[in-house]
Amino acid sequence: MQRTTHTPRIIDWRAARELTGLARSTLYALVAKGEIPHLRLAGRILRFDSIELEAWLSSWRRGRDATQTAAKSDQRRGSAKGAR
C-alpha cells in the first residue's frame, strides 16, 4: 500500500510559505493588498485554505509568466526599432 502525504486544508503562514515558496513578508504583503486568499480567525490569526492557495498560486504563476512574456516581447520590439 502506497502512503501519500496529506496537507491539511487550513494551514498557517509557515505551511503557506512552504507550499508557495514565497517569503513571509511577501505573503503578508499580498494579504494586506487582498491579493491572496486567506482567512482571519479571531481577528488576528492568519490562516490559508491550502486548496484555494494552490489554485491561486497556479493562476498567479500563469499571469506572471504572461506578463514576463509580454515584457520580453516589448523589449525585443524596442530593440528592433532602435536598430533601424
N, C-alpha and C. Protein backbone atom coordinates (compact mmCIF):
# COMPACT_ATOMS: atom_id res chain seq x y z
N MET A 1 0.84 -1.18 0.00
CA MET A 1 0.00 0.00 0.00
C MET A 1 0.89 1.24 0.00
N GLN A 2 0.59 2.17 -0.89
CA GLN A 2 1.39 3.38 -1.00
C GLN A 2 0.85 4.46 -0.07
N ARG A 3 1.76 5.10 0.64
CA ARG A 3 1.37 6.19 1.53
C ARG A 3 1.44 7.51 0.79
N THR A 4 0.48 8.36 1.03
CA THR A 4 0.52 9.70 0.45
C THR A 4 0.60 10.70 1.59
N THR A 5 1.27 11.80 1.33
CA THR A 5 1.32 12.84 2.34
C THR A 5 0.06 13.67 2.21
N HIS A 6 -0.46 14.08 3.33
CA HIS A 6 -1.70 14.84 3.36
C HIS A 6 -1.42 16.24 3.87
N THR A 7 -1.75 17.24 3.07
CA THR A 7 -1.66 18.62 3.51
C THR A 7 -2.99 18.98 4.14
N PRO A 8 -2.96 19.48 5.36
CA PRO A 8 -4.22 19.89 5.98
C PRO A 8 -4.91 20.96 5.14
N ARG A 9 -6.21 21.05 5.24
CA ARG A 9 -6.95 22.03 4.44
C ARG A 9 -6.65 23.46 4.91
N ILE A 10 -6.66 23.69 6.22
CA ILE A 10 -6.38 25.02 6.77
C ILE A 10 -4.96 25.02 7.31
N ILE A 11 -4.14 25.94 6.78
CA ILE A 11 -2.72 25.96 7.13
C ILE A 11 -2.29 27.33 7.63
N ASP A 12 -1.20 27.37 8.38
CA ASP A 12 -0.67 28.64 8.87
C ASP A 12 0.31 29.23 7.86
N TRP A 13 0.89 30.38 8.18
CA TRP A 13 1.78 31.06 7.22
C TRP A 13 3.03 30.24 6.93
N ARG A 14 3.50 29.46 7.90
CA ARG A 14 4.70 28.65 7.66
C ARG A 14 4.43 27.60 6.57
N ALA A 15 3.31 26.92 6.69
CA ALA A 15 2.94 25.93 5.67
C ALA A 15 2.64 26.60 4.34
N ALA A 16 2.03 27.79 4.39
CA ALA A 16 1.75 28.54 3.16
C ALA A 16 3.05 28.94 2.48
N ARG A 17 4.04 29.30 3.28
CA ARG A 17 5.35 29.66 2.74
C ARG A 17 5.98 28.45 2.05
N GLU A 18 5.88 27.29 2.67
CA GLU A 18 6.42 26.06 2.07
C GLU A 18 5.68 25.70 0.79
N LEU A 19 4.37 25.85 0.81
CA LEU A 19 3.54 25.50 -0.34
C LEU A 19 3.81 26.42 -1.54
N THR A 20 3.96 27.71 -1.27
CA THR A 20 4.10 28.69 -2.35
C THR A 20 5.55 29.01 -2.71
N GLY A 21 6.45 28.85 -1.76
CA GLY A 21 7.84 29.25 -1.99
C GLY A 21 8.04 30.74 -1.81
N LEU A 22 7.01 31.44 -1.34
CA LEU A 22 7.10 32.88 -1.13
C LEU A 22 7.62 33.19 0.27
N ALA A 23 8.31 34.30 0.40
CA ALA A 23 8.81 34.73 1.71
C ALA A 23 7.64 35.16 2.59
N ARG A 24 7.86 35.11 3.90
CA ARG A 24 6.82 35.51 4.85
C ARG A 24 6.37 36.95 4.57
N SER A 25 7.33 37.83 4.33
CA SER A 25 6.99 39.24 4.09
C SER A 25 6.15 39.39 2.82
N THR A 26 6.41 38.58 1.81
CA THR A 26 5.63 38.63 0.57
C THR A 26 4.21 38.14 0.83
N LEU A 27 4.08 37.05 1.59
CA LEU A 27 2.74 36.56 1.94
C LEU A 27 1.94 37.64 2.66
N TYR A 28 2.56 38.27 3.67
CA TYR A 28 1.85 39.30 4.43
C TYR A 28 1.52 40.50 3.56
N ALA A 29 2.40 40.87 2.63
CA ALA A 29 2.13 42.00 1.73
C ALA A 29 0.94 41.67 0.83
N LEU A 30 0.89 40.45 0.31
CA LEU A 30 -0.22 40.04 -0.54
C LEU A 30 -1.53 39.99 0.25
N VAL A 31 -1.47 39.57 1.52
CA VAL A 31 -2.65 39.57 2.38
C VAL A 31 -3.13 41.01 2.59
N ALA A 32 -2.20 41.91 2.89
CA ALA A 32 -2.55 43.31 3.15
C ALA A 32 -3.21 43.95 1.93
N LYS A 33 -2.77 43.57 0.74
CA LYS A 33 -3.34 44.10 -0.50
C LYS A 33 -4.62 43.38 -0.91
N GLY A 34 -4.93 42.27 -0.22
CA GLY A 34 -6.11 41.49 -0.57
C GLY A 34 -5.93 40.71 -1.86
N GLU A 35 -4.68 40.40 -2.20
CA GLU A 35 -4.38 39.72 -3.46
C GLU A 35 -4.23 38.21 -3.33
N ILE A 36 -4.32 37.69 -2.12
CA ILE A 36 -4.14 36.26 -1.91
C ILE A 36 -5.27 35.77 -1.00
N PRO A 37 -5.85 34.60 -1.32
CA PRO A 37 -6.94 34.11 -0.46
C PRO A 37 -6.43 33.74 0.92
N HIS A 38 -7.13 34.21 1.93
CA HIS A 38 -6.71 33.94 3.31
C HIS A 38 -7.92 34.01 4.24
N LEU A 39 -7.70 33.57 5.45
CA LEU A 39 -8.73 33.60 6.49
C LEU A 39 -8.18 34.33 7.69
N ARG A 40 -9.03 35.07 8.36
CA ARG A 40 -8.66 35.70 9.63
C ARG A 40 -9.54 35.06 10.70
N LEU A 41 -8.90 34.46 11.68
CA LEU A 41 -9.62 33.85 12.79
C LEU A 41 -9.41 34.72 14.03
N ALA A 42 -10.49 35.01 14.71
CA ALA A 42 -10.43 35.83 15.93
C ALA A 42 -9.72 37.16 15.66
N GLY A 43 -9.86 37.66 14.44
CA GLY A 43 -9.32 38.98 14.12
C GLY A 43 -7.86 39.03 13.72
N ARG A 44 -6.99 38.30 14.42
CA ARG A 44 -5.56 38.44 14.17
C ARG A 44 -4.89 37.17 13.65
N ILE A 45 -5.51 36.04 13.83
CA ILE A 45 -4.87 34.78 13.45
C ILE A 45 -5.04 34.58 11.95
N LEU A 46 -3.92 34.47 11.25
CA LEU A 46 -3.92 34.34 9.80
C LEU A 46 -3.80 32.87 9.40
N ARG A 47 -4.70 32.42 8.55
CA ARG A 47 -4.67 31.06 8.03
C ARG A 47 -4.98 31.09 6.54
N PHE A 48 -4.62 30.02 5.89
CA PHE A 48 -4.85 29.88 4.46
C PHE A 48 -5.53 28.55 4.20
N ASP A 49 -6.42 28.53 3.22
CA ASP A 49 -7.04 27.30 2.76
C ASP A 49 -6.10 26.74 1.70
N SER A 50 -5.52 25.57 1.94
CA SER A 50 -4.48 25.05 1.06
C SER A 50 -4.99 24.81 -0.37
N ILE A 51 -6.25 24.42 -0.51
CA ILE A 51 -6.81 24.18 -1.84
C ILE A 51 -6.96 25.49 -2.60
N GLU A 52 -7.50 26.52 -1.93
CA GLU A 52 -7.64 27.83 -2.57
C GLU A 52 -6.26 28.43 -2.87
N LEU A 53 -5.32 28.21 -1.97
CA LEU A 53 -3.98 28.75 -2.15
C LEU A 53 -3.28 28.11 -3.35
N GLU A 54 -3.45 26.80 -3.52
CA GLU A 54 -2.86 26.12 -4.68
C GLU A 54 -3.47 26.63 -5.98
N ALA A 55 -4.78 26.85 -5.99
CA ALA A 55 -5.46 27.37 -7.19
C ALA A 55 -4.97 28.79 -7.47
N TRP A 56 -4.87 29.62 -6.43
CA TRP A 56 -4.38 30.99 -6.59
C TRP A 56 -2.95 30.98 -7.13
N LEU A 57 -2.11 30.12 -6.58
CA LEU A 57 -0.71 30.05 -6.99
C LEU A 57 -0.59 29.69 -8.46
N SER A 58 -1.39 28.75 -8.90
CA SER A 58 -1.38 28.34 -10.30
C SER A 58 -1.76 29.50 -11.21
N SER A 59 -2.83 30.20 -10.89
CA SER A 59 -3.26 31.33 -11.73
C SER A 59 -2.28 32.49 -11.62
N TRP A 60 -1.71 32.71 -10.45
CA TRP A 60 -0.74 33.79 -10.26
C TRP A 60 0.50 33.54 -11.10
N ARG A 61 0.95 32.30 -11.12
CA ARG A 61 2.12 31.96 -11.94
C ARG A 61 1.82 32.14 -13.43
N ARG A 62 0.64 31.72 -13.86
CA ARG A 62 0.26 31.89 -15.27
C ARG A 62 0.23 33.37 -15.63
N GLY A 63 -0.34 34.19 -14.78
CA GLY A 63 -0.40 35.63 -15.02
C GLY A 63 0.98 36.26 -15.02
N ARG A 64 1.82 35.84 -14.09
CA ARG A 64 3.19 36.36 -14.01
C ARG A 64 3.97 35.96 -15.26
N ASP A 65 3.82 34.70 -15.69
CA ASP A 65 4.52 34.24 -16.88
C ASP A 65 4.05 35.00 -18.12
N ALA A 66 2.75 35.26 -18.22
CA ALA A 66 2.22 36.01 -19.36
C ALA A 66 2.76 37.43 -19.36
N THR A 67 2.85 38.04 -18.19
CA THR A 67 3.38 39.40 -18.08
C THR A 67 4.84 39.44 -18.48
N GLN A 68 5.61 38.46 -18.02
CA GLN A 68 7.03 38.42 -18.36
C GLN A 68 7.22 38.18 -19.86
N THR A 69 6.40 37.33 -20.46
CA THR A 69 6.49 37.07 -21.89
C THR A 69 6.17 38.33 -22.68
N ALA A 70 5.15 39.07 -22.26
CA ALA A 70 4.79 40.31 -22.94
C ALA A 70 5.90 41.35 -22.80
N ALA A 71 6.51 41.44 -21.61
CA ALA A 71 7.60 42.39 -21.40
C ALA A 71 8.80 42.06 -22.29
N LYS A 72 9.12 40.78 -22.41
CA LYS A 72 10.23 40.37 -23.27
C LYS A 72 9.92 40.69 -24.73
N SER A 73 8.68 40.49 -25.13
CA SER A 73 8.27 40.80 -26.49
C SER A 73 8.39 42.29 -26.76
N ASP A 74 7.97 43.10 -25.78
CA ASP A 74 8.09 44.55 -25.91
C ASP A 74 9.55 44.97 -26.00
N GLN A 75 10.41 44.33 -25.21
CA GLN A 75 11.84 44.66 -25.25
C GLN A 75 12.42 44.34 -26.62
N ARG A 76 12.02 43.20 -27.17
CA ARG A 76 12.53 42.82 -28.50
C ARG A 76 12.07 43.81 -29.56
N ARG A 77 10.82 44.23 -29.46
CA ARG A 77 10.30 45.21 -30.43
C ARG A 77 11.04 46.53 -30.28
N GLY A 78 11.33 46.91 -29.05
CA GLY A 78 12.07 48.14 -28.79
C GLY A 78 13.48 48.07 -29.34
N SER A 79 14.12 46.92 -29.21
CA SER A 79 15.47 46.72 -29.74
C SER A 79 15.46 46.78 -31.25
N ALA A 80 14.44 46.23 -31.86
CA ALA A 80 14.35 46.22 -33.33
C ALA A 80 14.15 47.64 -33.85
N LYS A 81 13.37 48.45 -33.14
CA LYS A 81 13.16 49.84 -33.57
C LYS A 81 14.45 50.64 -33.47
N GLY A 82 15.22 50.38 -32.41
CA GLY A 82 16.48 51.10 -32.21
C GLY A 82 17.53 50.72 -33.23
N ALA A 83 17.41 49.55 -33.82
CA ALA A 83 18.40 49.06 -34.79
C ALA A 83 18.19 49.67 -36.18
N ARG A 84 17.04 50.29 -36.37
CA ARG A 84 16.73 50.83 -37.72
C ARG A 84 17.50 52.08 -38.00
